[in-house]
Amino acid sequence: MKKIIASGIVFAPFVASADIMQKINENILQPFINILFAGAIMYFLFGVMKFVLNQDNETEQEEGKRHMLYGIIGIAIMVSAWGILHFVDSTVSGIR
């Protein structure tokens, strides 16, 4: 019986930190990732628009290609960050 009470005292801070981590994830990190994800998609679409509308100008097409490449890289980073956040959230939630 003493071991159960002692283990409850030892693991109590982890349960409290799991709740705090989940609230930070839901209220701060997820909206921030969503905004950055939307920005990366808009940047990619801006590059597509620049590439398509400037068929006669080679330098503008190259700039559009760069915008598309950087937009894809940004989307990949945001998807990775989203996956990492879900992994951490499920791991921390499993402690409860």
N, C-alpha and C. Protein backbone atom coordinates (compact mmCIF):
# COMPACT_ATOMS: atom_id res chain seq x y z
N MET A 1 0.82 -1.19 0.00
CA MET A 1 0.00 0.00 0.00
C MET A 1 0.87 1.26 0.00
N LYS A 2 1.98 1.21 0.76
CA LYS A 2 2.86 2.36 0.82
C LYS A 2 3.49 2.64 -0.54
N LYS A 3 3.77 1.57 -1.31
CA LYS A 3 4.38 1.75 -2.63
C LYS A 3 3.41 2.45 -3.58
N ILE A 4 2.14 2.14 -3.48
CA ILE A 4 1.14 2.77 -4.35
C ILE A 4 1.05 4.25 -4.03
N ILE A 5 1.00 4.61 -2.78
CA ILE A 5 0.93 6.01 -2.39
C ILE A 5 2.20 6.74 -2.79
N ALA A 6 3.35 6.11 -2.59
CA ALA A 6 4.62 6.74 -2.95
C ALA A 6 4.71 6.94 -4.46
N SER A 7 4.26 5.96 -5.25
CA SER A 7 4.31 6.13 -6.71
C SER A 7 3.33 7.20 -7.16
N GLY A 8 2.21 7.34 -6.47
CA GLY A 8 1.27 8.42 -6.79
C GLY A 8 1.87 9.78 -6.53
N ILE A 9 2.61 9.91 -5.48
CA ILE A 9 3.27 11.19 -5.16
C ILE A 9 4.36 11.49 -6.18
N VAL A 10 5.09 10.47 -6.59
CA VAL A 10 6.19 10.66 -7.55
C VAL A 10 5.65 11.06 -8.92
N PHE A 11 4.56 10.44 -9.38
CA PHE A 11 4.07 10.69 -10.73
C PHE A 11 3.04 11.82 -10.83
N ALA A 12 2.65 12.41 -9.73
CA ALA A 12 1.66 13.50 -9.74
C ALA A 12 2.12 14.69 -10.57
N PRO A 13 3.37 15.14 -10.49
CA PRO A 13 3.79 16.28 -11.32
C PRO A 13 3.71 15.99 -12.81
N PHE A 14 3.93 14.72 -13.20
CA PHE A 14 3.85 14.38 -14.62
C PHE A 14 2.44 14.47 -15.15
N VAL A 15 1.47 14.11 -14.34
CA VAL A 15 0.07 14.22 -14.75
C VAL A 15 -0.31 15.68 -14.90
N ALA A 16 0.11 16.52 -13.97
CA ALA A 16 -0.19 17.95 -14.06
C ALA A 16 0.50 18.56 -15.28
N SER A 17 1.74 18.15 -15.55
CA SER A 17 2.43 18.70 -16.72
C SER A 17 1.80 18.19 -18.01
N ALA A 18 1.19 17.01 -18.00
CA ALA A 18 0.51 16.51 -19.19
C ALA A 18 -0.70 17.38 -19.51
N ASP A 19 -1.44 17.79 -18.49
CA ASP A 19 -2.59 18.67 -18.72
C ASP A 19 -2.14 20.03 -19.23
N ILE A 20 -1.07 20.55 -18.65
CA ILE A 20 -0.56 21.85 -19.10
C ILE A 20 -0.06 21.74 -20.53
N MET A 21 0.67 20.67 -20.84
CA MET A 21 1.19 20.48 -22.19
C MET A 21 0.07 20.37 -23.21
N GLN A 22 -1.00 19.67 -22.85
CA GLN A 22 -2.13 19.53 -23.77
C GLN A 22 -2.80 20.88 -24.00
N LYS A 23 -2.96 21.68 -22.97
CA LYS A 23 -3.57 23.00 -23.13
C LYS A 23 -2.69 23.92 -23.97
N ILE A 24 -1.38 23.87 -23.77
CA ILE A 24 -0.47 24.68 -24.59
C ILE A 24 -0.55 24.24 -26.04
N ASN A 25 -0.61 22.94 -26.25
CA ASN A 25 -0.70 22.41 -27.60
C ASN A 25 -1.99 22.85 -28.29
N GLU A 26 -3.10 22.72 -27.60
CA GLU A 26 -4.40 23.05 -28.19
C GLU A 26 -4.61 24.54 -28.41
N ASN A 27 -4.16 25.36 -27.46
CA ASN A 27 -4.48 26.79 -27.49
C ASN A 27 -3.41 27.67 -28.12
N ILE A 28 -2.18 27.20 -28.17
CA ILE A 28 -1.11 28.06 -28.70
C ILE A 28 -0.45 27.44 -29.92
N LEU A 29 0.06 26.23 -29.78
CA LEU A 29 0.86 25.65 -30.85
C LEU A 29 0.05 25.26 -32.09
N GLN A 30 -1.09 24.61 -31.91
CA GLN A 30 -1.88 24.19 -33.07
C GLN A 30 -2.38 25.39 -33.90
N PRO A 31 -2.93 26.44 -33.30
CA PRO A 31 -3.31 27.58 -34.13
C PRO A 31 -2.11 28.23 -34.83
N PHE A 32 -0.97 28.28 -34.17
CA PHE A 32 0.23 28.84 -34.78
C PHE A 32 0.67 27.99 -35.98
N ILE A 33 0.67 26.67 -35.84
CA ILE A 33 1.03 25.78 -36.94
C ILE A 33 0.03 25.94 -38.08
N ASN A 34 -1.25 26.07 -37.78
CA ASN A 34 -2.27 26.23 -38.83
C ASN A 34 -2.06 27.53 -39.61
N ILE A 35 -1.72 28.61 -38.92
CA ILE A 35 -1.47 29.89 -39.59
C ILE A 35 -0.24 29.79 -40.49
N LEU A 36 0.83 29.18 -39.98
CA LEU A 36 2.03 29.02 -40.79
C LEU A 36 1.78 28.10 -41.99
N PHE A 37 0.98 27.06 -41.79
CA PHE A 37 0.62 26.15 -42.88
C PHE A 37 -0.15 26.89 -43.97
N ALA A 38 -1.10 27.71 -43.57
CA ALA A 38 -1.86 28.51 -44.54
C ALA A 38 -0.95 29.48 -45.27
N GLY A 39 0.01 30.08 -44.56
CA GLY A 39 0.97 30.98 -45.19
C GLY A 39 1.83 30.26 -46.22
N ALA A 40 2.27 29.05 -45.92
CA ALA A 40 3.08 28.27 -46.86
C ALA A 40 2.28 27.92 -48.11
N ILE A 41 1.01 27.59 -47.93
CA ILE A 41 0.17 27.28 -49.09
C ILE A 41 -0.04 28.53 -49.94
N MET A 42 -0.26 29.66 -49.29
CA MET A 42 -0.45 30.91 -50.04
C MET A 42 0.84 31.29 -50.78
N TYR A 43 1.99 31.08 -50.17
CA TYR A 43 3.27 31.38 -50.81
C TYR A 43 3.48 30.49 -52.03
N PHE A 44 3.12 29.20 -51.90
CA PHE A 44 3.20 28.28 -53.03
C PHE A 44 2.29 28.73 -54.16
N LEU A 45 1.05 29.06 -53.82
CA LEU A 45 0.09 29.50 -54.85
C LEU A 45 0.52 30.81 -55.50
N PHE A 46 1.16 31.69 -54.73
CA PHE A 46 1.72 32.92 -55.31
C PHE A 46 2.79 32.57 -56.34
N GLY A 47 3.62 31.59 -56.05
CA GLY A 47 4.64 31.15 -57.00
C GLY A 47 4.04 30.55 -58.25
N VAL A 48 2.97 29.77 -58.09
CA VAL A 48 2.29 29.19 -59.25
C VAL A 48 1.71 30.31 -60.11
N MET A 49 1.07 31.27 -59.47
CA MET A 49 0.48 32.39 -60.20
C MET A 49 1.57 33.18 -60.94
N LYS A 50 2.67 33.43 -60.28
CA LYS A 50 3.76 34.18 -60.89
C LYS A 50 4.36 33.40 -62.06
N PHE A 51 4.47 32.09 -61.93
CA PHE A 51 5.01 31.26 -62.99
C PHE A 51 4.08 31.22 -64.20
N VAL A 52 2.79 31.08 -63.97
CA VAL A 52 1.82 30.95 -65.06
C VAL A 52 1.60 32.29 -65.78
N LEU A 53 1.52 33.36 -65.03
CA LEU A 53 1.21 34.66 -65.64
C LEU A 53 2.39 35.29 -66.38
N ASN A 54 3.60 34.84 -66.11
CA ASN A 54 4.78 35.43 -66.74
C ASN A 54 5.46 34.42 -67.67
N GLN A 55 4.72 33.90 -68.63
CA GLN A 55 5.27 32.93 -69.55
C GLN A 55 6.35 33.52 -70.47
N ASP A 56 6.28 34.81 -70.73
CA ASP A 56 7.23 35.43 -71.64
C ASP A 56 8.48 35.93 -70.95
N ASN A 57 8.50 36.05 -69.64
CA ASN A 57 9.63 36.59 -68.89
C ASN A 57 10.33 35.45 -68.14
N GLU A 58 11.53 35.10 -68.57
CA GLU A 58 12.26 33.97 -67.99
C GLU A 58 12.66 34.22 -66.53
N THR A 59 13.06 35.44 -66.19
CA THR A 59 13.48 35.71 -64.81
C THR A 59 12.30 35.64 -63.84
N GLU A 60 11.14 36.11 -64.28
CA GLU A 60 9.93 36.02 -63.44
C GLU A 60 9.51 34.56 -63.26
N GLN A 61 9.68 33.75 -64.30
CA GLN A 61 9.36 32.33 -64.18
C GLN A 61 10.29 31.65 -63.17
N GLU A 62 11.57 31.99 -63.22
CA GLU A 62 12.52 31.42 -62.26
C GLU A 62 12.17 31.83 -60.83
N GLU A 63 11.75 33.06 -60.66
CA GLU A 63 11.33 33.52 -59.33
C GLU A 63 10.08 32.78 -58.88
N GLY A 64 9.15 32.55 -59.80
CA GLY A 64 7.96 31.77 -59.47
C GLY A 64 8.31 30.35 -59.07
N LYS A 65 9.28 29.74 -59.77
CA LYS A 65 9.73 28.39 -59.41
C LYS A 65 10.33 28.37 -58.01
N ARG A 66 11.12 29.39 -57.68
CA ARG A 66 11.69 29.46 -56.33
C ARG A 66 10.62 29.60 -55.27
N HIS A 67 9.60 30.43 -55.57
CA HIS A 67 8.49 30.57 -54.61
C HIS A 67 7.77 29.24 -54.41
N MET A 68 7.56 28.51 -55.51
CA MET A 68 6.89 27.21 -55.39
C MET A 68 7.74 26.24 -54.58
N LEU A 69 9.06 26.22 -54.82
CA LEU A 69 9.94 25.33 -54.09
C LEU A 69 9.94 25.66 -52.60
N TYR A 70 10.07 26.94 -52.27
CA TYR A 70 10.08 27.34 -50.87
C TYR A 70 8.71 27.09 -50.21
N GLY A 71 7.64 27.22 -50.97
CA GLY A 71 6.31 26.91 -50.45
C GLY A 71 6.18 25.43 -50.12
N ILE A 72 6.70 24.57 -51.00
CA ILE A 72 6.65 23.12 -50.74
C ILE A 72 7.50 22.76 -49.53
N ILE A 73 8.67 23.39 -49.42
CA ILE A 73 9.51 23.14 -48.25
C ILE A 73 8.79 23.59 -46.97
N GLY A 74 8.13 24.75 -47.03
CA GLY A 74 7.37 25.22 -45.86
C GLY A 74 6.23 24.30 -45.50
N ILE A 75 5.53 23.79 -46.51
CA ILE A 75 4.43 22.85 -46.25
C ILE A 75 4.98 21.58 -45.60
N ALA A 76 6.12 21.08 -46.10
CA ALA A 76 6.71 19.87 -45.53
C ALA A 76 7.13 20.11 -44.07
N ILE A 77 7.67 21.26 -43.79
CA ILE A 77 8.07 21.58 -42.41
C ILE A 77 6.84 21.65 -41.50
N MET A 78 5.77 22.26 -41.99
CA MET A 78 4.56 22.38 -41.17
C MET A 78 3.91 21.02 -40.93
N VAL A 79 3.91 20.16 -41.94
CA VAL A 79 3.35 18.81 -41.75
C VAL A 79 4.20 18.04 -40.75
N SER A 80 5.52 18.20 -40.83
CA SER A 80 6.40 17.54 -39.86
C SER A 80 6.16 18.05 -38.45
N ALA A 81 6.04 19.36 -38.31
CA ALA A 81 5.78 19.94 -36.98
C ALA A 81 4.44 19.46 -36.44
N TRP A 82 3.44 19.39 -37.30
CA TRP A 82 2.13 18.90 -36.88
C TRP A 82 2.23 17.45 -36.40
N GLY A 83 2.98 16.63 -37.14
CA GLY A 83 3.15 15.23 -36.75
C GLY A 83 3.90 15.09 -35.44
N ILE A 84 4.93 15.89 -35.25
CA ILE A 84 5.69 15.85 -34.00
C ILE A 84 4.81 16.27 -32.83
N LEU A 85 4.00 17.32 -33.03
CA LEU A 85 3.11 17.76 -31.95
C LEU A 85 2.11 16.67 -31.58
N HIS A 86 1.56 15.99 -32.60
CA HIS A 86 0.61 14.91 -32.30
C HIS A 86 1.30 13.74 -31.60
N PHE A 87 2.53 13.44 -32.01
CA PHE A 87 3.27 12.37 -31.35
C PHE A 87 3.53 12.71 -29.88
N VAL A 88 3.99 13.93 -29.63
CA VAL A 88 4.27 14.34 -28.26
C VAL A 88 2.98 14.38 -27.44
N ASP A 89 1.90 14.88 -28.04
CA ASP A 89 0.63 14.95 -27.33
C ASP A 89 0.12 13.55 -26.98
N SER A 90 0.21 12.61 -27.91
CA SER A 90 -0.26 11.26 -27.61
C SER A 90 0.63 10.57 -26.59
N THR A 91 1.92 10.87 -26.62
CA THR A 91 2.84 10.29 -25.65
C THR A 91 2.57 10.85 -24.26
N VAL A 92 2.42 12.17 -24.17
CA VAL A 92 2.17 12.80 -22.87
C VAL A 92 0.78 12.42 -22.36
N SER A 93 -0.18 12.30 -23.26
CA SER A 93 -1.54 11.92 -22.84
C SER A 93 -1.58 10.49 -22.34
N GLY A 94 -0.66 9.65 -22.84
CA GLY A 94 -0.61 8.26 -22.40
C GLY A 94 -0.09 8.11 -20.99
N ILE A 95 0.55 9.14 -20.45
CA ILE A 95 1.07 9.09 -19.09
C ILE A 95 -0.06 9.13 -18.07
N ARG A 96 -1.15 9.81 -18.42
CA ARG A 96 -2.25 9.96 -17.46
C ARG A 96 -2.85 8.70 -17.04
